[in-house]
C-alpha atoms as a PDB file:
ATOM      1  CA  MET A   1       0.000   0.000   0.000  1.00  0.00           C
ATOM      2  CA  VAL A   2       1.467   3.343  -1.027  1.00  0.00           C
ATOM      3  CA  LEU A   3       0.372   6.499   0.779  1.00  0.00           C
ATOM      4  CA  ASP A   4       0.806  10.140  -0.064  1.00  0.00           C
ATOM      5  CA  SER A   5      -0.466  13.257   1.663  1.00  0.00           C
ATOM      6  CA  ASP A   6      -3.471  13.462  -0.682  1.00  0.00           C
ATOM      7  CA  ASP A   7      -4.795  10.298   0.965  1.00  0.00           C
ATOM      8  CA  PHE A   8      -5.367  12.115   4.230  1.00  0.00           C
ATOM      9  CA  ASP A   9      -7.494  14.879   2.705  1.00  0.00           C
ATOM     10  CA  ARG A  10      -9.569  12.345   0.765  1.00  0.00           C
ATOM     11  CA  LEU A  11      -9.933  10.083   3.794  1.00  0.00           C
ATOM     12  CA  GLY A  12     -11.071  12.984   5.973  1.00  0.00           C
ATOM     13  CA  GLU A  13     -13.657  14.113   3.426  1.00  0.00           C
ATOM     14  CA  ALA A  14     -14.994  10.563   3.010  1.00  0.00           C
ATOM     15  CA  PHE A  15     -15.016  10.018   6.793  1.00  0.00           C
ATOM     16  CA  GLU A  16     -17.162  13.117   7.302  1.00  0.00           C
ATOM     17  CA  ARG A  17     -19.519  12.111   4.465  1.00  0.00           C
ATOM     18  CA  GLU A  18     -19.916   8.445   5.327  1.00  0.00           C
ATOM     19  CA  ARG A  19     -19.766   8.107   9.114  1.00  0.00           C
ATOM     20  CA  PRO A  20     -23.026   7.819  11.030  1.00  0.00           C
ATOM     21  CA  GLY A  21     -23.831  11.160  12.594  1.00  0.00           C
ATOM     22  CA  PRO A  22     -22.145  14.469  11.904  1.00  0.00           C
ATOM     23  CA  VAL A  23     -18.544  15.259  12.731  1.00  0.00           C
ATOM     24  CA  PRO A  24     -18.706  18.254  15.070  1.00  0.00           C
ATOM     25  CA  HIS A  25     -16.877  21.410  14.035  1.00  0.00           C
ATOM     26  CA  GLY A  26     -15.395  23.804  16.549  1.00  0.00           C
ATOM     27  CA  ARG A  27     -12.409  25.961  17.382  1.00  0.00           C
ATOM     28  CA  SER A  28      -9.426  25.683  19.663  1.00  0.00           C
ATOM     29  CA  GLY A  29      -7.831  29.102  19.777  1.00  0.00           C
ATOM     30  CA  ALA A  30      -7.441  30.168  16.151  1.00  0.00           C
ATOM     31  CA  ALA A  31      -7.492  26.583  14.822  1.00  0.00           C
ATOM     32  CA  ARG A  32     -10.563  24.923  13.346  1.00  0.00           C
ATOM     33  CA  THR A  33     -11.244  21.544  14.920  1.00  0.00           C
ATOM     34  CA  ARG A  34     -13.275  18.445  14.193  1.00  0.00           C
ATOM     35  CA  PRO A  35     -13.237  16.417  17.415  1.00  0.00           C
ATOM     36  CA  PHE A  36     -14.062  12.717  16.999  1.00  0.00           C
ATOM     37  CA  PRO A  37     -12.736   9.451  18.437  1.00  0.00           C
ATOM     38  CA  PRO A  38      -9.429   8.618  16.694  1.00  0.00           C
ATOM     39  CA  ALA A  39     -10.280   4.897  16.792  1.00  0.00           C
ATOM     40  CA  ASP A  40     -13.304   5.615  14.549  1.00  0.00           C
ATOM     41  CA  ALA A  41     -11.084   7.388  12.009  1.00  0.00           C
ATOM     42  CA  VAL A  42      -8.447   4.636  12.053  1.00  0.00           C
ATOM     43  CA  ALA A  43     -11.046   1.882  11.546  1.00  0.00           C
ATOM     44  CA  PHE A  44     -12.619   3.884   8.706  1.00  0.00           C
ATOM     45  CA  ALA A  45      -9.237   4.510   7.040  1.00  0.00           C
ATOM     46  CA  GLU A  46      -8.206   0.860   7.265  1.00  0.00           C
ATOM     47  CA  GLY A  47     -11.402  -0.277   5.569  1.00  0.00           C
ATOM     48  CA  ARG A  48     -11.412   2.489   2.984  1.00  0.00           C
ATOM     49  CA  LEU A  49      -7.772   2.013   1.987  1.00  0.00           C
ATOM     50  CA  ARG A  50      -8.293  -1.738   1.767  1.00  0.00           C
ATOM     51  CA  GLU A  51     -11.221  -1.185  -0.639  1.00  0.00           C
ATOM     52  CA  HIS A  52      -9.845   1.710  -2.692  1.00  0.00           C
ATOM     53  CA  ARG A  53      -6.115   1.049  -2.930  1.00  0.00           C
ATOM     54  CA  PRO A  54      -4.492  -1.573  -5.118  1.00  0.00           C
ATOM     55  CA  HIS A  55      -2.643  -4.289  -3.238  1.00  0.00           C
ATOM     56  CA  PRO A  56       0.911  -4.748  -4.479  1.00  0.00           C
ATOM     57  CA  ALA A  57       1.907  -8.205  -5.595  1.00  0.00           C
ATOM     58  CA  ALA A  58       4.297  -9.949  -3.229  1.00  0.00           C
ATOM     59  CA  ALA A  59       6.965  -9.675  -5.948  1.00  0.00           C
ATOM     60  CA  ASP A  60       6.705  -5.860  -5.792  1.00  0.00           C
ATOM     61  CA  VAL A  61       7.719  -5.750  -2.133  1.00  0.00           C
ATOM     62  CA  PRO A  62      11.488  -5.815  -1.555  1.00  0.00           C
ATOM     63  CA  PRO A  63      12.702  -8.487   0.890  1.00  0.00           C
ATOM     64  CA  GLY A  64      12.458  -7.095   4.399  1.00  0.00           C
ATOM     65  CA  GLY A  65      10.822  -3.954   2.994  1.00  0.00           C
ATOM     66  CA  ARG A  66       7.421  -2.404   2.657  1.00  0.00           C
ATOM     67  CA  ALA A  67       5.321  -1.896  -0.395  1.00  0.00           C
ATOM     68  CA  GLY A  68       6.049   1.450  -1.995  1.00  0.00           C
ATOM     69  CA  THR A  69       9.627   1.685  -0.788  1.00  0.00           C
ATOM     70  CA  ALA A  70      12.441   1.844  -3.262  1.00  0.00           C
ATOM     71  CA  ARG A  71      15.327  -0.577  -3.120  1.00  0.00           C
ATOM     72  CA  THR A  72      18.741   1.089  -3.287  1.00  0.00           C
END
């Protein structure tokens, strides 16, 4: 599984759209916040990435490495 920073924006948008109940919006000082249980977001991301990301073939993963890492 290869991740890039765009994944996090897309995951957050999908999480807000698809989770039961609204994600609350608020502020903490000058920052905008969306407080929710992190475990909910992690479970959502795991399922979503599993469904929407291609799985690399075992041959694409370097020995002792992770998918998406380059061998040097």
